[in-house]
């Protein structure tokens, strides 16, 4: 198992979820994640299913809304 491959998938996950894709169409799909990470889809579905599952879980979690700092009242 390649550490670089896993790191690339994790970085691609972050880019997609942040709405800043570099290589893909930005859709929150496994195909787009594979393109973004520069790997074939089967790498995600068979070699790193944990990263695939983590991507899906994070994609379904709504983003946290930051608390306003010193908001005027």
PDB file of N, CA and C in Angstrom:
ATOM      1  N   UNK A   1       0.847  -1.162   0.000  1.00  0.00           N
ATOM      2  CA  UNK A   1       0.000   0.000   0.000  1.00  0.00           C
ATOM      3  C   UNK A   1       0.896   1.229   0.000  1.00  0.00           C
ATOM      4  N   UNK A   2       0.636   2.132  -0.906  1.00  0.00           N
ATOM      5  CA  UNK A   2       1.462   3.311  -1.063  1.00  0.00           C
ATOM      6  C   UNK A   2       0.978   4.456  -0.166  1.00  0.00           C
ATOM      7  N   UNK A   3       1.889   4.966   0.639  1.00  0.00           N
ATOM      8  CA  UNK A   3       1.559   6.112   1.486  1.00  0.00           C
ATOM      9  C   UNK A   3       1.275   7.326   0.614  1.00  0.00           C
ATOM     10  N   UNK A   4       2.045   7.494  -0.469  1.00  0.00           N
ATOM     11  CA  UNK A   4       1.827   8.616  -1.375  1.00  0.00           C
ATOM     12  C   UNK A   4       0.447   8.540  -2.022  1.00  0.00           C
ATOM     13  N   UNK A   5       0.022   7.331  -2.384  1.00  0.00           N
ATOM     14  CA  UNK A   5      -1.289   7.142  -2.997  1.00  0.00           C
ATOM     15  C   UNK A   5      -2.396   7.532  -2.016  1.00  0.00           C
ATOM     16  N   UNK A   6      -2.271   7.082  -0.785  1.00  0.00           N
ATOM     17  CA  UNK A   6      -3.267   7.432   0.241  1.00  0.00           C
ATOM     18  C   UNK A   6      -3.267   8.932   0.499  1.00  0.00           C
ATOM     19  N   UNK A   7      -2.100   9.520   0.593  1.00  0.00           N
ATOM     20  CA  UNK A   7      -2.010  10.967   0.832  1.00  0.00           C
ATOM     21  C   UNK A   7      -2.626  11.743  -0.328  1.00  0.00           C
ATOM     22  N   UNK A   8      -2.423  11.261  -1.543  1.00  0.00           N
ATOM     23  CA  UNK A   8      -3.014  11.907  -2.707  1.00  0.00           C
ATOM     24  C   UNK A   8      -4.529  11.834  -2.700  1.00  0.00           C
ATOM     25  N   UNK A   9      -5.062  10.701  -2.278  1.00  0.00           N
ATOM     26  CA  UNK A   9      -6.521  10.543  -2.200  1.00  0.00           C
ATOM     27  C   UNK A   9      -7.077  11.440  -1.096  1.00  0.00           C
ATOM     28  N   UNK A  10      -6.392  11.497   0.030  1.00  0.00           N
ATOM     29  CA  UNK A  10      -6.848  12.351   1.127  1.00  0.00           C
ATOM     30  C   UNK A  10      -6.813  13.821   0.727  1.00  0.00           C
ATOM     31  N   UNK A  11      -5.772  14.243   0.019  1.00  0.00           N
ATOM     32  CA  UNK A  11      -5.681  15.625  -0.440  1.00  0.00           C
ATOM     33  C   UNK A  11      -6.777  15.931  -1.465  1.00  0.00           C
ATOM     34  N   UNK A  12      -7.045  14.974  -2.356  1.00  0.00           N
ATOM     35  CA  UNK A  12      -8.104  15.149  -3.349  1.00  0.00           C
ATOM     36  C   UNK A  12      -9.463  15.249  -2.662  1.00  0.00           C
ATOM     37  N   UNK A  13      -9.676  14.461  -1.622  1.00  0.00           N
ATOM     38  CA  UNK A  13     -10.915  14.535  -0.846  1.00  0.00           C
ATOM     39  C   UNK A  13     -11.097  15.934  -0.279  1.00  0.00           C
ATOM     40  N   UNK A  14     -10.037  16.453   0.327  1.00  0.00           N
ATOM     41  CA  UNK A  14     -10.110  17.802   0.900  1.00  0.00           C
ATOM     42  C   UNK A  14     -10.433  18.845  -0.168  1.00  0.00           C
ATOM     43  N   UNK A  15      -9.768  18.752  -1.319  1.00  0.00           N
ATOM     44  CA  UNK A  15     -10.015  19.737  -2.395  1.00  0.00           C
ATOM     45  C   UNK A  15     -11.459  19.676  -2.867  1.00  0.00           C
ATOM     46  N   UNK A  16     -11.975  18.478  -3.082  1.00  0.00           N
ATOM     47  CA  UNK A  16     -13.356  18.351  -3.554  1.00  0.00           C
ATOM     48  C   UNK A  16     -14.341  18.887  -2.519  1.00  0.00           C
ATOM     49  N   UNK A  17     -14.146  18.542  -1.268  1.00  0.00           N
ATOM     50  CA  UNK A  17     -15.071  18.979  -0.230  1.00  0.00           C
ATOM     51  C   UNK A  17     -14.952  20.479   0.043  1.00  0.00           C
ATOM     52  N   UNK A  18     -13.800  21.051  -0.258  1.00  0.00           N
ATOM     53  CA  UNK A  18     -13.610  22.500  -0.114  1.00  0.00           C
ATOM     54  C   UNK A  18     -14.081  23.258  -1.348  1.00  0.00           C
ATOM     55  N   UNK A  19     -14.506  22.510  -2.376  1.00  0.00           N
ATOM     56  CA  UNK A  19     -14.971  23.153  -3.603  1.00  0.00           C
ATOM     57  C   UNK A  19     -13.855  23.749  -4.442  1.00  0.00           C
ATOM     58  N   UNK A  20     -12.659  23.162  -4.354  1.00  0.00           N
ATOM     59  CA  UNK A  20     -11.501  23.678  -5.075  1.00  0.00           C
ATOM     60  C   UNK A  20     -10.800  22.585  -5.879  1.00  0.00           C
ATOM     61  N   UNK A  21     -11.506  21.913  -6.791  1.00  0.00           N
ATOM     62  CA  UNK A  21     -10.867  20.839  -7.565  1.00  0.00           C
ATOM     63  C   UNK A  21      -9.808  21.392  -8.515  1.00  0.00           C
ATOM     64  N   UNK A  22      -8.788  20.579  -8.739  1.00  0.00           N
ATOM     65  CA  UNK A  22      -7.723  20.947  -9.680  1.00  0.00           C
ATOM     66  C   UNK A  22      -7.826  20.180 -10.985  1.00  0.00           C
ATOM     67  N   UNK A  23      -8.327  18.942 -10.934  1.00  0.00           N
ATOM     68  CA  UNK A  23      -8.315  18.073 -12.117  1.00  0.00           C
ATOM     69  C   UNK A  23      -9.678  17.558 -12.535  1.00  0.00           C
ATOM     70  N   UNK A  24     -10.662  17.616 -11.658  1.00  0.00           N
ATOM     71  CA  UNK A  24     -11.960  16.990 -11.941  1.00  0.00           C
ATOM     72  C   UNK A  24     -13.047  18.041 -12.109  1.00  0.00           C
ATOM     73  N   UNK A  25     -14.281  17.561 -12.312  1.00  0.00           N
ATOM     74  CA  UNK A  25     -15.420  18.462 -12.465  1.00  0.00           C
ATOM     75  C   UNK A  25     -15.946  18.970 -11.122  1.00  0.00           C
ATOM     76  N   UNK A  26     -15.405  18.486 -10.024  1.00  0.00           N
ATOM     77  CA  UNK A  26     -15.791  18.961  -8.706  1.00  0.00           C
ATOM     78  C   UNK A  26     -17.004  18.280  -8.103  1.00  0.00           C
ATOM     79  N   UNK A  27     -17.602  17.331  -8.830  1.00  0.00           N
ATOM     80  CA  UNK A  27     -18.747  16.610  -8.276  1.00  0.00           C
ATOM     81  C   UNK A  27     -18.278  15.712  -7.143  1.00  0.00           C
ATOM     82  N   UNK A  28     -19.152  15.499  -6.184  1.00  0.00           N
ATOM     83  CA  UNK A  28     -18.801  14.678  -5.029  1.00  0.00           C
ATOM     84  C   UNK A  28     -19.133  13.216  -5.308  1.00  0.00           C
ATOM     85  N   UNK A  29     -18.405  12.655  -6.272  1.00  0.00           N
ATOM     86  CA  UNK A  29     -18.569  11.257  -6.664  1.00  0.00           C
ATOM     87  C   UNK A  29     -17.219  10.553  -6.595  1.00  0.00           C
ATOM     88  N   UNK A  30     -17.278   9.219  -6.561  1.00  0.00           N
ATOM     89  CA  UNK A  30     -16.040   8.433  -6.538  1.00  0.00           C
ATOM     90  C   UNK A  30     -15.261   8.622  -7.842  1.00  0.00           C
ATOM     91  N   UNK A  31     -15.973   8.745  -8.958  1.00  0.00           N
ATOM     92  CA  UNK A  31     -15.293   8.965 -10.241  1.00  0.00           C
ATOM     93  C   UNK A  31     -14.511  10.276 -10.194  1.00  0.00           C
ATOM     94  N   UNK A  32     -15.152  11.339  -9.709  1.00  0.00           N
ATOM     95  CA  UNK A  32     -14.459  12.629  -9.611  1.00  0.00           C
ATOM     96  C   UNK A  32     -13.304  12.558  -8.624  1.00  0.00           C
ATOM     97  N   UNK A  33     -13.491  11.846  -7.517  1.00  0.00           N
ATOM     98  CA  UNK A  33     -12.407  11.697  -6.545  1.00  0.00           C
ATOM     99  C   UNK A  33     -11.228  10.967  -7.170  1.00  0.00           C
ATOM    100  N   UNK A  34     -11.493   9.920  -7.925  1.00  0.00           N
ATOM    101  CA  UNK A  34     -10.415   9.177  -8.579  1.00  0.00           C
ATOM    102  C   UNK A  34      -9.662  10.076  -9.555  1.00  0.00           C
ATOM    103  N   UNK A  35     -10.395  10.836 -10.358  1.00  0.00           N
ATOM    104  CA  UNK A  35      -9.755  11.755 -11.307  1.00  0.00           C
ATOM    105  C   UNK A  35      -8.927  12.794 -10.556  1.00  0.00           C
ATOM    106  N   UNK A  36      -9.510  13.354  -9.519  1.00  0.00           N
ATOM    107  CA  UNK A  36      -8.828  14.382  -8.724  1.00  0.00           C
ATOM    108  C   UNK A  36      -7.548  13.838  -8.089  1.00  0.00           C
ATOM    109  N   UNK A  37      -7.593  12.586  -7.647  1.00  0.00           N
ATOM    110  CA  UNK A  37      -6.436  11.966  -6.995  1.00  0.00           C
ATOM    111  C   UNK A  37      -5.434  11.391  -7.992  1.00  0.00           C
ATOM    112  N   UNK A  38      -5.835  11.281  -9.266  1.00  0.00           N
ATOM    113  CA  UNK A  38      -4.937  10.719 -10.276  1.00  0.00           C
ATOM    114  C   UNK A  38      -4.797   9.211 -10.171  1.00  0.00           C
ATOM    115  N   UNK A  39      -5.883   8.552  -9.726  1.00  0.00           N
ATOM    116  CA  UNK A  39      -5.872   7.091  -9.635  1.00  0.00           C
ATOM    117  C   UNK A  39      -7.075   6.535 -10.394  1.00  0.00           C
ATOM    118  N   UNK A  40      -7.035   5.257 -10.677  1.00  0.00           N
ATOM    119  CA  UNK A  40      -8.177   4.599 -11.307  1.00  0.00           C
ATOM    120  C   UNK A  40      -9.245   4.339 -10.244  1.00  0.00           C
ATOM    121  N   UNK A  41     -10.505   4.307 -10.674  1.00  0.00           N
ATOM    122  CA  UNK A  41     -11.621   4.142  -9.746  1.00  0.00           C
ATOM    123  C   UNK A  41     -11.488   2.875  -8.909  1.00  0.00           C
ATOM    124  N   UNK A  42     -10.999   1.789  -9.508  1.00  0.00           N
ATOM    125  CA  UNK A  42     -10.896   0.534  -8.755  1.00  0.00           C
ATOM    126  C   UNK A  42      -9.914   0.641  -7.585  1.00  0.00           C
ATOM    127  N   UNK A  43      -8.984   1.581  -7.655  1.00  0.00           N
ATOM    128  CA  UNK A  43      -8.067   1.784  -6.533  1.00  0.00           C
ATOM    129  C   UNK A  43      -8.857   2.215  -5.298  1.00  0.00           C
ATOM    130  N   UNK A  44      -9.862   3.059  -5.506  1.00  0.00           N
ATOM    131  CA  UNK A  44     -10.699   3.503  -4.383  1.00  0.00           C
ATOM    132  C   UNK A  44     -11.662   2.422  -3.919  1.00  0.00           C
ATOM    133  N   UNK A  45     -12.230   1.694  -4.853  1.00  0.00           N
ATOM    134  CA  UNK A  45     -13.261   0.729  -4.479  1.00  0.00           C
ATOM    135  C   UNK A  45     -12.693  -0.590  -3.965  1.00  0.00           C
ATOM    136  N   UNK A  46     -11.473  -0.930  -4.371  1.00  0.00           N
ATOM    137  CA  UNK A  46     -10.908  -2.220  -3.965  1.00  0.00           C
ATOM    138  C   UNK A  46      -9.673  -2.121  -3.076  1.00  0.00           C
ATOM    139  N   UNK A  47      -8.810  -1.150  -3.331  1.00  0.00           N
ATOM    140  CA  UNK A  47      -7.562  -1.062  -2.584  1.00  0.00           C
ATOM    141  C   UNK A  47      -7.700  -0.176  -1.337  1.00  0.00           C
ATOM    142  N   UNK A  48      -8.506   0.886  -1.458  1.00  0.00           N
ATOM    143  CA  UNK A  48      -8.669   1.827  -0.339  1.00  0.00           C
ATOM    144  C   UNK A  48     -10.153   2.090  -0.058  1.00  0.00           C
ATOM    145  N   UNK A  49     -10.924   1.040   0.220  1.00  0.00           N
ATOM    146  CA  UNK A  49     -12.356   1.270   0.468  1.00  0.00           C
ATOM    147  C   UNK A  49     -12.605   2.127   1.715  1.00  0.00           C
ATOM    148  N   UNK A  50     -11.652   2.129   2.652  1.00  0.00           N
ATOM    149  CA  UNK A  50     -11.811   2.970   3.839  1.00  0.00           C
ATOM    150  C   UNK A  50     -11.806   4.447   3.467  1.00  0.00           C
ATOM    151  N   UNK A  51     -10.954   4.831   2.504  1.00  0.00           N
ATOM    152  CA  UNK A  51     -10.918   6.224   2.063  1.00  0.00           C
ATOM    153  C   UNK A  51     -12.166   6.574   1.258  1.00  0.00           C
ATOM    154  N   UNK A  52     -12.680   5.611   0.508  1.00  0.00           N
ATOM    155  CA  UNK A  52     -13.933   5.814  -0.231  1.00  0.00           C
ATOM    156  C   UNK A  52     -15.068   6.059   0.750  1.00  0.00           C
ATOM    157  N   UNK A  53     -15.152   5.221   1.792  1.00  0.00           N
ATOM    158  CA  UNK A  53     -16.209   5.369   2.787  1.00  0.00           C
ATOM    159  C   UNK A  53     -16.081   6.688   3.551  1.00  0.00           C
ATOM    160  N   UNK A  54     -14.858   7.079   3.869  1.00  0.00           N
ATOM    161  CA  UNK A  54     -14.625   8.338   4.553  1.00  0.00           C
ATOM    162  C   UNK A  54     -15.055   9.521   3.672  1.00  0.00           C
ATOM    163  N   UNK A  55     -14.756   9.450   2.385  1.00  0.00           N
ATOM    164  CA  UNK A  55     -15.164  10.491   1.439  1.00  0.00           C
ATOM    165  C   UNK A  55     -16.686  10.627   1.437  1.00  0.00           C
ATOM    166  N   UNK A  56     -17.381   9.498   1.317  1.00  0.00           N
ATOM    167  CA  UNK A  56     -18.849   9.540   1.315  1.00  0.00           C
ATOM    168  C   UNK A  56     -19.391  10.110   2.627  1.00  0.00           C
ATOM    169  N   UNK A  57     -18.821   9.695   3.741  1.00  0.00           N
ATOM    170  CA  UNK A  57     -19.287  10.181   5.040  1.00  0.00           C
ATOM    171  C   UNK A  57     -19.077  11.688   5.164  1.00  0.00           C
ATOM    172  N   UNK A  58     -17.910  12.152   4.757  1.00  0.00           N
ATOM    173  CA  UNK A  58     -17.632  13.593   4.842  1.00  0.00           C
ATOM    174  C   UNK A  58     -18.484  14.382   3.859  1.00  0.00           C
ATOM    175  N   UNK A  59     -18.767  13.810   2.700  1.00  0.00           N
ATOM    176  CA  UNK A  59     -19.574  14.505   1.691  1.00  0.00           C
ATOM    177  C   UNK A  59     -21.013  14.674   2.163  1.00  0.00           C
ATOM    178  N   UNK A  60     -21.499  13.776   3.014  1.00  0.00           N
ATOM    179  CA  UNK A  60     -22.875  13.846   3.488  1.00  0.00           C
ATOM    180  C   UNK A  60     -23.028  14.664   4.761  1.00  0.00           C
ATOM    181  N   UNK A  61     -21.923  15.039   5.382  1.00  0.00           N
ATOM    182  CA  UNK A  61     -21.968  15.832   6.604  1.00  0.00           C
ATOM    183  C   UNK A  61     -22.022  17.306   6.232  1.00  0.00           C
ATOM    184  N   UNK A  62     -23.022  18.032   6.729  1.00  0.00           N
ATOM    185  CA  UNK A  62     -23.083  19.458   6.394  1.00  0.00           C
ATOM    186  C   UNK A  62     -21.882  20.199   6.965  1.00  0.00           C
ATOM    187  N   UNK A  63     -21.417  21.220   6.263  1.00  0.00           N
ATOM    188  CA  UNK A  63     -20.261  21.976   6.760  1.00  0.00           C
ATOM    189  C   UNK A  63     -20.620  22.727   8.041  1.00  0.00           C
ATOM    190  N   UNK A  64     -19.644  22.859   8.896  1.00  0.00           N
ATOM    191  CA  UNK A  64     -19.844  23.598  10.141  1.00  0.00           C
ATOM    192  C   UNK A  64     -19.928  25.088   9.834  1.00  0.00           C
ATOM    193  N   UNK A  65     -20.834  25.752  10.493  1.00  0.00           N
ATOM    194  CA  UNK A  65     -20.968  27.201  10.313  1.00  0.00           C
ATOM    195  C   UNK A  65     -20.155  27.868  11.401  1.00  0.00           C
ATOM    196  N   UNK A  66     -19.154  28.657  11.008  1.00  0.00           N
ATOM    197  CA  UNK A  66     -18.304  29.297  12.029  1.00  0.00           C
ATOM    198  C   UNK A  66     -19.108  30.315  12.835  1.00  0.00           C
ATOM    199  N   UNK A  67     -18.789  30.397  14.104  1.00  0.00           N
ATOM    200  CA  UNK A  67     -19.449  31.373  14.982  1.00  0.00           C
ATOM    201  C   UNK A  67     -18.969  32.768  14.608  1.00  0.00           C
ATOM    202  N   UNK A  68     -19.877  33.730  14.544  1.00  0.00           N
ATOM    203  CA  UNK A  68     -19.459  35.096  14.232  1.00  0.00           C
ATOM    204  C   UNK A  68     -18.606  35.654  15.358  1.00  0.00           C
ATOM    205  N   UNK A  69     -17.548  36.313  14.996  1.00  0.00           N
ATOM    206  CA  UNK A  69     -16.661  36.903  15.981  1.00  0.00           C
ATOM    207  C   UNK A  69     -17.079  38.347  16.241  1.00  0.00           C
ATOM    208  N   UNK A  70     -17.358  38.620  17.476  1.00  0.00           N
ATOM    209  CA  UNK A  70     -17.747  39.984  17.873  1.00  0.00           C
ATOM    210  C   UNK A  70     -18.827  40.559  16.984  1.00  0.00           C
ATOM    211  N   UNK A  71     -19.857  39.802  16.753  1.00  0.00           N
ATOM    212  CA  UNK A  71     -20.955  40.265  15.906  1.00  0.00           C
ATOM    213  C   UNK A  71     -21.659  41.426  16.596  1.00  0.00           C
ATOM    214  N   UNK A  72     -21.974  42.472  15.828  1.00  0.00           N
ATOM    215  CA  UNK A  72     -22.679  43.614  16.425  1.00  0.00           C
ATOM    216  C   UNK A  72     -24.080  43.193  16.850  1.00  0.00           C
ATOM    217  N   UNK A  73     -24.533  43.740  17.937  1.00  0.00           N
ATOM    218  CA  UNK A  73     -25.861  43.391  18.446  1.00  0.00           C
ATOM    219  C   UNK A  73     -26.725  44.600  18.509  1.00  0.00           C
TER     220      UNK A  73
END
